[in-house]
Amino acid sequence: MIIKITKAKMAIAIVVALVVLFCVADKNQNFVKTINHVQEGRKFIKYVEFNANYDALEKALNFDIKSQKEEIKLNWIDILSYLAAKYGGNFNNYKYKDMENVVKALKKGENIQEISKGMKTFSYYKEAYSAILGGFVGKYKVEVPSSEDKNKLVFEERYGLKVFSPIAKTYPFQHYKDFGSSRSYGYSRPHLGHDLMAATGTPVVAVESGKVECLGWNQYGGWRIGIRSFDKKRYYYYAHLRKNRPYHAQIKIDKVVRAGEVIGYVGRTGYSQKENANNIETSHLHIGLQLIFDESQKECDNEIWINLYAITQILQKNKSGVKRNGETKEYDRQYDFWEKSLQDFD
């Protein structure tokens, strides 16, 4: 049977098809809007590349510390975030004159929002750099020998770096730019941490105050410790700790540690599914810093790890002295430390 389609019927069919198509498109558009709305409810940073160099970090830090005695207080994160926005995150373009200019503007009374107006990426860098450096600078108290009695210790309040080098004071180590270099054990992958070459048994201290979140054996990192900052933004990973006695005796899951506290000892464990194996050729501490803007990032395929080379240089400005306990053979910090974030745990 042959069905004849008149021009009128064809026109009607086309109109009906277009109506259906527009309805479907409208539904799809609304669906996309709904999905975007859901995603926007959980918006968080998914990528950060940090390459601020030591010179920029040190000078911004010094401006911050020095200004605390002046009427207008500066914030080193504001300064560094402005420069990052100016350079598109590439500190190979860093010029000290650029830092001087923004500092002069701030000292004249302009705020960072006014200075960064028109910079579309400033808010991104401010959030990213605050996550990286947010717990590094502020007020703290540290024990010092009394001026009246050298055998007595008293707390002295200070402002400045309240984070420490991960290697204890007087203990030597060497390091170089190794972030992103290749690793082949298990599978080919980039090195997402920073290696500090030091002798086995060298005391390792907590860079920042926080809570022990991870402890035990990992075939890649050997004996390792994971410590989370109190603001939950930073996760510090200390790996390849010493065979047999990797940790300080008091370290356990959920323990609150103070910045500069001894947490373990350098070794060369790892690269083995068998626990307590020394399969790393050179004794060293692997330290990593992961940024976490959402808990879904803690363990995933797109974790954010930061290049710590320049930060490690900054941390050497503040080293924690240690002393050995003859009875326990453990090392403990020489001078106690306290900061406001610890008050909920004292």
Protein backbone atom coordinates (compact mmCIF):
# COMPACT_ATOMS: atom_id res chain seq x y z
CA MET A 1 0.00 0.00 0.00
CA ILE A 2 1.31 3.40 -0.98
CA ILE A 3 0.67 6.29 1.40
CA LYS A 4 0.57 9.66 -0.24
CA ILE A 5 1.92 12.50 1.89
CA THR A 6 0.59 15.84 0.90
CA LYS A 7 2.50 19.07 1.40
CA ALA A 8 0.05 20.02 4.15
CA LYS A 9 0.66 16.78 6.05
CA MET A 10 4.41 17.19 5.63
CA ALA A 11 4.24 20.69 7.06
CA ILE A 12 2.22 19.48 10.05
CA ALA A 13 4.72 16.66 10.67
CA ILE A 14 7.63 19.08 10.58
CA VAL A 15 5.89 21.42 13.04
CA VAL A 16 5.17 18.52 15.42
CA ALA A 17 8.80 17.32 15.20
CA LEU A 18 10.11 20.82 15.94
CA VAL A 19 7.81 21.15 18.96
CA VAL A 20 9.01 17.80 20.33
CA LEU A 21 12.64 18.77 19.65
CA PHE A 22 12.29 22.11 21.45
CA CYS A 23 10.56 20.42 24.41
CA VAL A 24 13.37 17.86 24.72
CA ALA A 25 15.99 20.59 24.37
CA ASP A 26 14.24 22.64 27.04
CA LYS A 27 14.16 19.64 29.39
CA ASN A 28 17.85 18.95 28.71
CA GLN A 29 18.70 22.58 29.35
CA ASN A 30 16.82 22.50 32.64
CA PHE A 31 18.55 19.24 33.51
CA VAL A 32 21.97 20.77 32.82
CA LYS A 33 21.02 23.78 34.94
CA THR A 34 20.01 21.44 37.75
CA ILE A 35 23.28 19.51 37.53
CA ASN A 36 25.28 22.74 37.52
CA HIS A 37 23.32 23.97 40.51
CA VAL A 38 24.15 20.77 42.43
CA GLN A 39 27.82 21.03 41.45
CA GLU A 40 27.96 24.69 42.45
CA GLY A 41 26.75 23.68 45.89
CA ARG A 42 30.00 21.71 46.28
CA LYS A 43 32.39 23.96 44.40
CA PHE A 44 36.00 23.56 45.48
CA ILE A 45 39.48 23.97 44.03
CA LYS A 46 40.63 20.90 42.12
CA TYR A 47 44.09 21.99 40.94
CA VAL A 48 46.93 24.02 42.44
CA GLU A 49 50.46 24.53 41.15
CA PHE A 50 52.72 26.26 43.66
CA ASN A 51 56.06 27.56 42.39
CA ALA A 52 56.69 30.67 44.49
CA ASN A 53 60.48 30.83 44.94
CA TYR A 54 62.42 31.22 48.16
CA ASP A 55 63.29 34.88 47.56
CA ALA A 56 59.63 35.85 47.16
CA LEU A 57 58.58 33.79 50.19
CA GLU A 58 61.30 35.18 52.43
CA LYS A 59 60.76 38.83 51.51
CA ALA A 60 56.98 38.59 51.86
CA LEU A 61 57.45 36.86 55.22
CA ASN A 62 59.82 39.58 56.43
CA PHE A 63 57.37 42.32 55.38
CA ASP A 64 54.63 40.55 57.36
CA ILE A 65 56.70 40.07 60.53
CA LYS A 66 58.20 43.57 60.51
CA SER A 67 54.80 45.22 60.01
CA GLN A 68 53.38 43.74 63.21
CA LYS A 69 55.14 46.54 65.12
CA GLU A 70 53.69 49.17 62.80
CA GLU A 71 50.25 50.74 62.47
CA ILE A 72 49.35 48.94 59.23
CA LYS A 73 49.77 45.17 59.45
CA LEU A 74 50.70 43.30 56.27
CA ASN A 75 49.77 39.75 55.35
CA TRP A 76 52.35 37.76 53.40
CA ILE A 77 49.65 35.58 51.80
CA ASP A 78 47.94 38.68 50.37
CA ILE A 79 51.25 39.86 48.90
CA LEU A 80 52.11 36.47 47.38
CA SER A 81 48.56 35.95 46.05
CA TYR A 82 48.66 39.32 44.32
CA LEU A 83 51.97 38.46 42.65
CA ALA A 84 50.68 35.02 41.63
CA ALA A 85 47.65 36.65 39.98
CA LYS A 86 49.94 39.17 38.26
CA TYR A 87 52.26 36.45 36.93
CA GLY A 88 49.61 33.86 36.12
CA GLY A 89 51.14 31.69 38.84
CA ASN A 90 54.57 31.67 37.16
CA PHE A 91 57.14 33.04 39.61
CA ASN A 92 59.84 32.83 36.95
CA ASN A 93 58.57 36.34 36.20
CA TYR A 94 59.07 37.48 39.80
CA LYS A 95 60.62 40.91 40.34
CA TYR A 96 61.22 42.35 43.78
CA LYS A 97 60.07 45.74 42.47
CA ASP A 98 56.59 44.29 41.94
CA MET A 99 56.47 43.25 45.59
CA GLU A 100 57.71 46.65 46.71
CA ASN A 101 54.94 48.35 44.73
CA VAL A 102 52.14 46.33 46.30
CA VAL A 103 53.65 46.79 49.78
CA LYS A 104 53.85 50.57 49.26
CA ALA A 105 50.20 50.64 48.23
CA LEU A 106 49.18 48.64 51.30
CA LYS A 107 51.20 50.90 53.59
CA LYS A 108 49.41 53.93 52.12
CA GLY A 109 46.16 52.48 53.40
CA GLU A 110 44.82 50.74 50.30
CA ASN A 111 43.38 47.30 50.99
CA ILE A 112 44.22 44.22 48.97
CA GLN A 113 40.72 44.12 47.41
CA GLU A 114 41.25 47.60 45.93
CA ILE A 115 44.76 46.78 44.70
CA SER A 116 43.69 43.49 43.11
CA LYS A 117 40.54 44.89 41.50
CA GLY A 118 40.27 43.62 37.95
CA MET A 119 42.46 40.58 38.63
CA LYS A 120 40.12 37.70 37.79
CA THR A 121 42.34 35.04 39.37
CA PHE A 122 43.22 36.83 42.62
CA SER A 123 40.45 35.16 44.67
CA TYR A 124 41.58 31.74 43.39
CA TYR A 125 45.21 32.33 44.37
CA LYS A 126 44.18 33.81 47.71
CA GLU A 127 42.21 30.66 48.57
CA ALA A 128 44.92 28.33 47.23
CA TYR A 129 47.83 30.11 48.94
CA SER A 130 45.85 30.42 52.18
CA ALA A 131 45.42 26.65 52.11
CA ILE A 132 49.15 26.14 51.60
CA LEU A 133 50.53 28.76 53.99
CA GLY A 134 47.59 29.44 56.31
CA GLY A 135 49.06 27.83 59.42
CA PHE A 136 52.62 29.06 58.97
CA VAL A 137 52.68 32.54 60.53
CA GLY A 138 51.14 34.01 63.66
CA LYS A 139 51.44 34.42 67.40
CA TYR A 140 52.86 31.62 69.51
CA LYS A 141 54.65 30.96 72.80
CA VAL A 142 57.94 29.14 73.18
CA GLU A 143 60.06 28.24 76.20
CA VAL A 144 63.31 30.15 76.65
CA PRO A 145 65.86 30.27 79.49
CA SER A 146 64.89 32.90 82.05
CA SER A 147 66.98 36.08 82.02
CA GLU A 148 67.08 35.90 85.83
CA ASP A 149 67.85 32.20 86.16
CA LYS A 150 69.35 30.34 83.17
CA ASN A 151 68.29 27.01 84.71
CA LYS A 152 64.66 28.05 84.67
CA LEU A 153 62.48 28.04 81.56
CA VAL A 154 59.74 30.61 80.92
CA PHE A 155 57.30 31.09 78.06
CA GLU A 156 57.97 34.00 75.73
CA GLU A 157 55.30 35.25 73.33
CA ARG A 158 56.41 35.88 69.76
CA TYR A 159 55.08 36.54 66.28
CA GLY A 160 56.54 34.85 63.22
CA LEU A 161 56.99 31.38 61.78
CA LYS A 162 55.17 28.86 63.96
CA VAL A 163 56.10 25.91 61.76
CA PHE A 164 59.37 24.00 61.88
CA SER A 165 61.88 22.29 59.64
CA PRO A 166 60.99 18.56 59.55
CA ILE A 167 64.60 17.71 60.47
CA ALA A 168 65.59 18.50 64.07
CA LYS A 169 68.06 21.27 64.88
CA THR A 170 71.81 20.50 64.51
CA TYR A 171 71.09 17.46 62.30
CA PRO A 172 72.37 17.91 58.72
CA PHE A 173 70.47 17.05 55.57
CA GLN A 174 70.69 17.70 51.85
CA HIS A 175 67.93 18.28 49.35
CA TYR A 176 67.39 19.33 45.74
CA LYS A 177 64.52 20.05 43.35
CA ASP A 178 62.94 16.63 42.90
CA PHE A 179 59.20 17.27 42.74
CA GLY A 180 57.73 15.59 39.67
CA SER A 181 60.77 13.43 38.93
CA SER A 182 60.01 9.87 37.84
CA ARG A 183 59.57 6.86 40.11
CA SER A 184 59.19 3.32 38.81
CA TYR A 185 58.59 0.99 41.79
CA GLY A 186 55.20 -0.66 41.34
CA TYR A 187 54.30 1.54 38.37
CA SER A 188 55.64 4.59 36.57
CA ARG A 189 54.63 7.79 38.37
CA PRO A 190 55.86 11.29 39.29
CA HIS A 191 57.46 11.99 42.67
CA LEU A 192 54.85 14.00 44.57
CA GLY A 193 56.94 14.84 47.61
CA HIS A 194 60.31 16.20 48.66
CA ASP A 195 63.26 14.06 49.79
CA LEU A 196 65.59 15.21 52.58
CA MET A 197 68.77 13.13 52.63
CA ALA A 198 69.73 12.50 56.27
CA ALA A 199 71.33 9.77 58.39
CA THR A 200 69.24 6.91 59.73
CA GLY A 201 67.95 7.73 63.21
CA THR A 202 67.82 11.49 62.63
CA PRO A 203 64.83 12.86 64.64
CA VAL A 204 61.88 13.93 62.47
CA VAL A 205 59.64 16.65 63.88
CA ALA A 206 56.10 17.77 63.05
CA VAL A 207 56.17 20.76 60.72
CA GLU A 208 52.83 22.04 61.96
CA SER A 209 50.53 21.31 64.88
CA GLY A 210 47.75 18.88 64.07
CA LYS A 211 46.31 15.43 64.60
CA VAL A 212 47.79 12.07 63.57
CA GLU A 213 45.48 10.70 60.91
CA CYS A 214 47.52 7.87 59.39
CA LEU A 215 50.09 5.47 60.83
CA GLY A 216 51.63 2.21 59.71
CA TRP A 217 53.12 0.41 56.72
CA ASN A 218 52.73 1.29 53.07
CA GLN A 219 54.71 -0.61 50.43
CA TYR A 220 55.67 2.64 48.69
CA GLY A 221 56.41 4.80 51.74
CA GLY A 222 57.46 2.12 54.23
CA TRP A 223 56.74 3.15 57.80
CA ARG A 224 54.94 6.48 57.54
CA ILE A 225 52.92 9.06 59.45
CA GLY A 226 50.12 11.30 58.18
CA ILE A 227 49.26 14.44 60.16
CA ARG A 228 46.32 16.74 59.36
CA SER A 229 46.36 20.44 60.21
CA PHE A 230 43.61 21.69 62.50
CA ASP A 231 41.91 23.63 59.69
CA LYS A 232 41.83 20.35 57.69
CA LYS A 233 43.43 22.01 54.63
CA ARG A 234 46.92 20.46 54.89
CA TYR A 235 47.90 16.79 55.15
CA TYR A 236 51.58 16.17 55.92
CA TYR A 237 53.01 12.83 54.87
CA TYR A 238 56.30 11.63 56.44
CA ALA A 239 57.65 8.40 54.89
CA HIS A 240 60.54 5.88 54.78
CA LEU A 241 60.96 6.03 58.56
CA ARG A 242 63.43 3.85 60.47
CA LYS A 243 63.21 0.07 60.59
CA ASN A 244 62.08 -1.57 63.88
CA ARG A 245 61.53 1.72 65.76
CA PRO A 246 60.11 4.19 63.22
CA TYR A 247 57.99 6.31 65.55
CA HIS A 248 58.34 8.18 68.80
CA ALA A 249 56.79 5.99 71.52
CA GLN A 250 53.93 8.42 72.14
CA ILE A 251 52.76 8.63 68.53
CA LYS A 252 49.40 6.99 67.84
CA ILE A 253 46.29 7.56 65.72
CA ASP A 254 44.31 10.67 66.77
CA LYS A 255 47.17 12.00 68.89
CA VAL A 256 47.43 15.79 68.84
CA VAL A 257 51.01 16.85 68.11
CA ARG A 258 52.57 20.27 68.53
CA ALA A 259 54.68 21.89 65.85
CA GLY A 260 58.33 20.95 66.43
CA GLU A 261 57.48 17.77 68.39
CA VAL A 262 59.51 14.64 67.62
CA ILE A 263 57.28 12.17 65.78
CA GLY A 264 59.72 9.63 64.35
CA TYR A 265 63.16 8.88 62.89
CA VAL A 266 64.67 8.94 59.42
CA GLY A 267 65.21 5.56 57.76
CA ARG A 268 64.99 3.81 54.41
CA THR A 269 61.99 1.48 54.68
CA GLY A 270 59.60 0.83 51.82
CA TYR A 271 59.37 -0.52 48.28
CA SER A 272 58.18 -3.86 49.60
CA GLN A 273 54.87 -5.55 50.37
CA LYS A 274 56.62 -7.16 53.31
CA GLU A 275 56.55 -4.95 56.40
CA ASN A 276 59.73 -3.56 57.97
CA ALA A 277 61.87 -3.98 54.87
CA ASN A 278 64.80 -1.67 54.09
CA ASN A 279 64.47 -1.59 50.30
CA ILE A 280 65.25 2.11 49.79
CA GLU A 281 68.90 2.55 48.78
CA THR A 282 69.56 5.89 50.48
CA SER A 283 68.42 6.88 53.95
CA HIS A 284 66.13 9.91 53.72
CA LEU A 285 62.86 11.49 54.78
CA HIS A 286 60.17 11.79 52.15
CA ILE A 287 57.84 14.62 53.13
CA GLY A 288 54.73 15.49 51.18
CA LEU A 289 52.09 18.19 51.54
CA GLN A 290 48.61 17.47 50.19
CA LEU A 291 45.95 20.18 49.94
CA ILE A 292 42.39 19.18 50.76
CA PHE A 293 39.54 21.53 49.86
CA ASP A 294 36.91 18.78 50.05
CA GLU A 295 37.06 15.40 51.81
CA SER A 296 36.52 13.64 48.48
CA GLN A 297 40.08 14.74 47.58
CA LYS A 298 41.75 12.93 50.50
CA GLU A 299 42.20 9.68 48.58
CA CYS A 300 41.40 9.97 44.90
CA ASP A 301 42.95 9.96 41.43
CA ASN A 302 43.39 13.74 41.42
CA GLU A 303 45.06 14.51 44.74
CA ILE A 304 46.75 17.90 45.04
CA TRP A 305 50.39 17.65 46.18
CA ILE A 306 52.59 20.72 46.51
CA ASN A 307 56.22 21.34 45.54
CA LEU A 308 57.98 21.81 48.90
CA TYR A 309 61.46 22.82 47.76
CA ALA A 310 61.18 26.57 48.49
CA ILE A 311 58.99 25.95 51.54
CA THR A 312 61.63 23.62 53.00
CA GLN A 313 64.15 26.45 52.67
CA ILE A 314 61.81 28.75 54.58
CA LEU A 315 61.27 26.13 57.29
CA GLN A 316 65.01 26.03 57.97
CA LYS A 317 64.60 29.45 59.58
CA ASN A 318 62.87 27.68 62.47
CA LYS A 319 64.39 24.47 63.78
CA SER A 320 63.33 22.48 66.83
CA GLY A 321 66.10 21.57 69.25
CA VAL A 322 65.90 18.05 70.71
CA LYS A 323 67.43 16.12 73.60
CA ARG A 324 67.89 12.39 74.16
CA ASN A 325 66.30 10.57 77.06
CA GLY A 326 68.89 8.09 78.35
CA GLU A 327 66.27 5.75 79.80
CA THR A 328 63.82 5.52 76.92
CA LYS A 329 66.42 6.29 74.23
CA GLU A 330 63.80 8.56 72.67
CA TYR A 331 64.41 12.10 71.52
CA ASP A 332 62.13 14.86 72.80
CA ARG A 333 61.91 18.54 72.03
CA GLN A 334 64.17 20.78 74.09
CA TYR A 335 61.79 23.71 74.47
CA ASP A 336 58.01 23.51 74.73
CA PHE A 337 55.74 25.29 72.27
CA TRP A 338 52.16 26.55 72.40
CA GLU A 339 49.79 28.26 69.98
CA LYS A 340 46.14 29.26 70.19
CA SER A 341 44.93 26.41 67.98
CA LEU A 342 46.07 23.97 70.69
CA GLN A 343 43.83 25.43 73.39
CA ASP A 344 40.98 23.02 72.66
CA PHE A 345 43.29 20.07 73.30
CA ASP A 346 45.22 21.19 76.40
